């Protein structure tokens, strides 16, 4: 019976869990960014690739 494979899977899972949990990203408050954009949307130009109709 192979007991090494389940232990390797468990060890890999624990390493991944520790890496994700300890990545160092901390929660922060809301960062104000000012008013949302307003006004009409600027028209865009279509890009045609060579060989397209």
PDB file of N, CA and C in Angstrom:
ATOM      1  N   UNK A   1       0.834  -1.182   0.000  1.00  0.00           N
ATOM      2  CA  UNK A   1       0.000   0.000   0.000  1.00  0.00           C
ATOM      3  C   UNK A   1       0.876   1.241   0.000  1.00  0.00           C
ATOM      4  N   UNK A   2       0.519   2.217  -0.818  1.00  0.00           N
ATOM      5  CA  UNK A   2       1.322   3.431  -0.945  1.00  0.00           C
ATOM      6  C   UNK A   2       0.806   4.482   0.034  1.00  0.00           C
ATOM      7  N   UNK A   3       1.594   4.827   1.006  1.00  0.00           N
ATOM      8  CA  UNK A   3       1.190   5.866   1.961  1.00  0.00           C
ATOM      9  C   UNK A   3       1.920   7.176   1.688  1.00  0.00           C
ATOM     10  N   UNK A   4       2.884   7.153   0.805  1.00  0.00           N
ATOM     11  CA  UNK A   4       3.655   8.356   0.520  1.00  0.00           C
ATOM     12  C   UNK A   4       2.874   9.390  -0.277  1.00  0.00           C
ATOM     13  N   UNK A   5       2.015   8.952  -1.191  1.00  0.00           N
ATOM     14  CA  UNK A   5       1.273   9.881  -2.035  1.00  0.00           C
ATOM     15  C   UNK A   5       0.288  10.737  -1.228  1.00  0.00           C
ATOM     16  N   UNK A   6      -0.529  10.165  -0.361  1.00  0.00           N
ATOM     17  CA  UNK A   6      -1.428  11.022   0.424  1.00  0.00           C
ATOM     18  C   UNK A   6      -0.684  12.022   1.309  1.00  0.00           C
ATOM     19  N   UNK A   7       0.443  11.633   1.814  1.00  0.00           N
ATOM     20  CA  UNK A   7       1.228  12.555   2.644  1.00  0.00           C
ATOM     21  C   UNK A   7       1.791  13.695   1.803  1.00  0.00           C
ATOM     22  N   UNK A   8       2.210  13.387   0.590  1.00  0.00           N
ATOM     23  CA  UNK A   8       2.725  14.434  -0.303  1.00  0.00           C
ATOM     24  C   UNK A   8       1.618  15.415  -0.687  1.00  0.00           C
ATOM     25  N   UNK A   9       0.429  14.881  -0.957  1.00  0.00           N
ATOM     26  CA  UNK A   9      -0.696  15.739  -1.311  1.00  0.00           C
ATOM     27  C   UNK A   9      -1.065  16.630  -0.134  1.00  0.00           C
ATOM     28  N   UNK A  10      -1.104  16.067   1.061  1.00  0.00           N
ATOM     29  CA  UNK A  10      -1.405  16.844   2.255  1.00  0.00           C
ATOM     30  C   UNK A  10      -0.340  17.909   2.497  1.00  0.00           C
ATOM     31  N   UNK A  11       0.916  17.560   2.328  1.00  0.00           N
ATOM     32  CA  UNK A  11       1.995  18.517   2.524  1.00  0.00           C
ATOM     33  C   UNK A  11       1.923  19.648   1.483  1.00  0.00           C
ATOM     34  N   UNK A  12       1.628  19.311   0.249  1.00  0.00           N
ATOM     35  CA  UNK A  12       1.511  20.330  -0.790  1.00  0.00           C
ATOM     36  C   UNK A  12       0.332  21.251  -0.502  1.00  0.00           C
ATOM     37  N   UNK A  13      -0.771  20.696  -0.016  1.00  0.00           N
ATOM     38  CA  UNK A  13      -1.928  21.506   0.337  1.00  0.00           C
ATOM     39  C   UNK A  13      -1.624  22.452   1.485  1.00  0.00           C
ATOM     40  N   UNK A  14      -0.909  21.977   2.484  1.00  0.00           N
ATOM     41  CA  UNK A  14      -0.556  22.832   3.613  1.00  0.00           C
ATOM     42  C   UNK A  14       0.401  23.947   3.198  1.00  0.00           C
ATOM     43  N   UNK A  15       1.357  23.640   2.362  1.00  0.00           N
ATOM     44  CA  UNK A  15       2.280  24.666   1.872  1.00  0.00           C
ATOM     45  C   UNK A  15       1.521  25.721   1.079  1.00  0.00           C
ATOM     46  N   UNK A  16       0.588  25.291   0.231  1.00  0.00           N
ATOM     47  CA  UNK A  16      -0.200  26.246  -0.552  1.00  0.00           C
ATOM     48  C   UNK A  16      -1.072  27.109   0.361  1.00  0.00           C
ATOM     49  N   UNK A  17      -1.662  26.516   1.385  1.00  0.00           N
ATOM     50  CA  UNK A  17      -2.495  27.266   2.318  1.00  0.00           C
ATOM     51  C   UNK A  17      -1.683  28.306   3.074  1.00  0.00           C
ATOM     52  N   UNK A  18      -0.505  27.945   3.514  1.00  0.00           N
ATOM     53  CA  UNK A  18       0.357  28.886   4.230  1.00  0.00           C
ATOM     54  C   UNK A  18       0.809  30.005   3.302  1.00  0.00           C
ATOM     55  N   UNK A  19       1.113  29.678   2.063  1.00  0.00           N
ATOM     56  CA  UNK A  19       1.552  30.706   1.112  1.00  0.00           C
ATOM     57  C   UNK A  19       0.437  31.703   0.818  1.00  0.00           C
ATOM     58  N   UNK A  20      -0.786  31.223   0.682  1.00  0.00           N
ATOM     59  CA  UNK A  20      -1.903  32.116   0.387  1.00  0.00           C
ATOM     60  C   UNK A  20      -2.273  32.937   1.611  1.00  0.00           C
ATOM     61  N   UNK A  21      -2.267  32.315   2.782  1.00  0.00           N
ATOM     62  CA  UNK A  21      -2.663  33.012   4.004  1.00  0.00           C
ATOM     63  C   UNK A  21      -1.614  34.032   4.433  1.00  0.00           C
ATOM     64  N   UNK A  22      -0.383  33.806   4.129  1.00  0.00           N
ATOM     65  CA  UNK A  22       0.675  34.699   4.577  1.00  0.00           C
ATOM     66  C   UNK A  22       1.237  35.569   3.480  1.00  0.00           C
ATOM     67  N   UNK A  23       0.419  35.954   2.523  1.00  0.00           N
ATOM     68  CA  UNK A  23       0.946  36.716   1.389  1.00  0.00           C
ATOM     69  C   UNK A  23       1.227  38.175   1.738  1.00  0.00           C
ATOM     70  N   UNK A  24       0.763  38.657   2.882  1.00  0.00           N
ATOM     71  CA  UNK A  24       1.102  40.001   3.317  1.00  0.00           C
ATOM     72  C   UNK A  24       0.146  41.086   2.883  1.00  0.00           C
ATOM     73  N   UNK A  25      -0.971  40.753   2.243  1.00  0.00           N
ATOM     74  CA  UNK A  25      -1.930  41.769   1.843  1.00  0.00           C
ATOM     75  C   UNK A  25      -2.818  42.071   3.039  1.00  0.00           C
ATOM     76  N   UNK A  26      -2.862  43.329   3.415  1.00  0.00           N
ATOM     77  CA  UNK A  26      -3.642  43.728   4.579  1.00  0.00           C
ATOM     78  C   UNK A  26      -4.894  44.478   4.119  1.00  0.00           C
ATOM     79  N   UNK A  27      -5.983  44.328   4.856  1.00  0.00           N
ATOM     80  CA  UNK A  27      -7.195  45.075   4.490  1.00  0.00           C
ATOM     81  C   UNK A  27      -6.999  46.566   4.703  1.00  0.00           C
ATOM     82  N   UNK A  28      -7.687  47.367   3.921  1.00  0.00           N
ATOM     83  CA  UNK A  28      -7.576  48.816   4.043  1.00  0.00           C
ATOM     84  C   UNK A  28      -8.957  49.439   3.988  1.00  0.00           C
ATOM     85  N   UNK A  29      -9.045  50.707   4.367  1.00  0.00           N
ATOM     86  CA  UNK A  29     -10.294  51.438   4.282  1.00  0.00           C
ATOM     87  C   UNK A  29     -10.557  51.834   2.835  1.00  0.00           C
ATOM     88  N   UNK A  30     -11.736  52.401   2.620  1.00  0.00           N
ATOM     89  CA  UNK A  30     -12.081  52.885   1.293  1.00  0.00           C
ATOM     90  C   UNK A  30     -11.191  54.068   0.942  1.00  0.00           C
ATOM     91  N   UNK A  31     -10.671  54.071  -0.272  1.00  0.00           N
ATOM     92  CA  UNK A  31      -9.794  55.145  -0.726  1.00  0.00           C
ATOM     93  C   UNK A  31     -10.614  56.073  -1.617  1.00  0.00           C
ATOM     94  N   UNK A  32     -10.805  57.335  -1.210  1.00  0.00           N
ATOM     95  CA  UNK A  32     -11.597  58.242  -2.039  1.00  0.00           C
ATOM     96  C   UNK A  32     -10.864  58.583  -3.336  1.00  0.00           C
ATOM     97  N   UNK A  33     -11.620  58.628  -4.424  1.00  0.00           N
ATOM     98  CA  UNK A  33     -11.000  58.882  -5.723  1.00  0.00           C
ATOM     99  C   UNK A  33     -11.604  60.075  -6.444  1.00  0.00           C
ATOM    100  N   UNK A  34     -12.523  60.801  -5.808  1.00  0.00           N
ATOM    101  CA  UNK A  34     -13.124  61.955  -6.466  1.00  0.00           C
ATOM    102  C   UNK A  34     -14.421  61.590  -7.160  1.00  0.00           C
ATOM    103  N   UNK A  35     -14.908  62.531  -7.953  1.00  0.00           N
ATOM    104  CA  UNK A  35     -16.169  62.349  -8.658  1.00  0.00           C
ATOM    105  C   UNK A  35     -16.006  61.384  -9.832  1.00  0.00           C
ATOM    106  N   UNK A  36     -17.101  60.690 -10.187  1.00  0.00           N
ATOM    107  CA  UNK A  36     -17.029  59.805 -11.352  1.00  0.00           C
ATOM    108  C   UNK A  36     -16.970  60.633 -12.631  1.00  0.00           C
ATOM    109  N   UNK A  37     -16.496  60.067 -13.716  1.00  0.00           N
ATOM    110  CA  UNK A  37     -16.433  60.805 -14.974  1.00  0.00           C
ATOM    111  C   UNK A  37     -17.834  61.152 -15.462  1.00  0.00           C
ATOM    112  N   UNK A  38     -17.939  62.253 -16.163  1.00  0.00           N
ATOM    113  CA  UNK A  38     -19.238  62.662 -16.711  1.00  0.00           C
ATOM    114  C   UNK A  38     -19.022  63.195 -18.128  1.00  0.00           C
ATOM    115  N   UNK A  39     -20.109  63.319 -18.864  1.00  0.00           N
ATOM    116  CA  UNK A  39     -20.039  63.835 -20.217  1.00  0.00           C
ATOM    117  C   UNK A  39     -20.223  62.739 -21.241  1.00  0.00           C
ATOM    118  N   UNK A  40     -20.239  63.119 -22.504  1.00  0.00           N
ATOM    119  CA  UNK A  40     -20.455  62.122 -23.560  1.00  0.00           C
ATOM    120  C   UNK A  40     -19.230  61.228 -23.746  1.00  0.00           C
ATOM    121  N   UNK A  41     -19.490  60.073 -24.278  1.00  0.00           N
ATOM    122  CA  UNK A  41     -18.415  59.115 -24.558  1.00  0.00           C
ATOM    123  C   UNK A  41     -17.748  59.510 -25.869  1.00  0.00           C
ATOM    124  N   UNK A  42     -16.441  59.543 -25.864  1.00  0.00           N
ATOM    125  CA  UNK A  42     -15.700  59.897 -27.071  1.00  0.00           C
ATOM    126  C   UNK A  42     -15.793  58.770 -28.081  1.00  0.00           C
ATOM    127  N   UNK A  43     -15.997  59.101 -29.344  1.00  0.00           N
ATOM    128  CA  UNK A  43     -16.069  58.044 -30.362  1.00  0.00           C
ATOM    129  C   UNK A  43     -14.703  57.381 -30.536  1.00  0.00           C
ATOM    130  N   UNK A  44     -14.742  56.111 -30.850  1.00  0.00           N
ATOM    131  CA  UNK A  44     -13.507  55.375 -31.099  1.00  0.00           C
ATOM    132  C   UNK A  44     -13.395  55.069 -32.575  1.00  0.00           C
ATOM    133  N   UNK A  45     -12.179  54.875 -33.021  1.00  0.00           N
ATOM    134  CA  UNK A  45     -11.966  54.521 -34.414  1.00  0.00           C
ATOM    135  C   UNK A  45     -11.799  53.013 -34.514  1.00  0.00           C
ATOM    136  N   UNK A  46     -12.377  52.448 -35.520  1.00  0.00           N
ATOM    137  CA  UNK A  46     -12.278  51.015 -35.730  1.00  0.00           C
ATOM    138  C   UNK A  46     -10.927  50.681 -36.316  1.00  0.00           C
ATOM    139  N   UNK A  47     -10.328  49.640 -35.814  1.00  0.00           N
ATOM    140  CA  UNK A  47      -9.032  49.184 -36.316  1.00  0.00           C
ATOM    141  C   UNK A  47      -9.279  47.995 -37.224  1.00  0.00           C
ATOM    142  N   UNK A  48      -8.829  48.081 -38.441  1.00  0.00           N
ATOM    143  CA  UNK A  48      -8.975  46.958 -39.369  1.00  0.00           C
ATOM    144  C   UNK A  48      -7.625  46.310 -39.572  1.00  0.00           C
ATOM    145  N   UNK A  49      -7.645  45.018 -39.527  1.00  0.00           N
ATOM    146  CA  UNK A  49      -6.426  44.247 -39.715  1.00  0.00           C
ATOM    147  C   UNK A  49      -6.234  43.929 -41.191  1.00  0.00           C
ATOM    148  N   UNK A  50      -4.998  43.809 -41.639  1.00  0.00           N
ATOM    149  CA  UNK A  50      -4.774  43.444 -43.038  1.00  0.00           C
ATOM    150  C   UNK A  50      -5.410  42.100 -43.350  1.00  0.00           C
ATOM    151  N   UNK A  51      -6.134  42.059 -44.469  1.00  0.00           N
ATOM    152  CA  UNK A  51      -6.767  40.813 -44.883  1.00  0.00           C
ATOM    153  C   UNK A  51      -8.172  40.652 -44.367  1.00  0.00           C
ATOM    154  N   UNK A  52      -8.654  41.585 -43.526  1.00  0.00           N
ATOM    155  CA  UNK A  52     -10.041  41.481 -43.061  1.00  0.00           C
ATOM    156  C   UNK A  52     -10.934  42.274 -43.991  1.00  0.00           C
ATOM    157  N   UNK A  53     -12.213  41.892 -44.093  1.00  0.00           N
ATOM    158  CA  UNK A  53     -13.133  42.580 -45.022  1.00  0.00           C
ATOM    159  C   UNK A  53     -13.468  43.990 -44.576  1.00  0.00           C
TER     160      UNK A  53
END
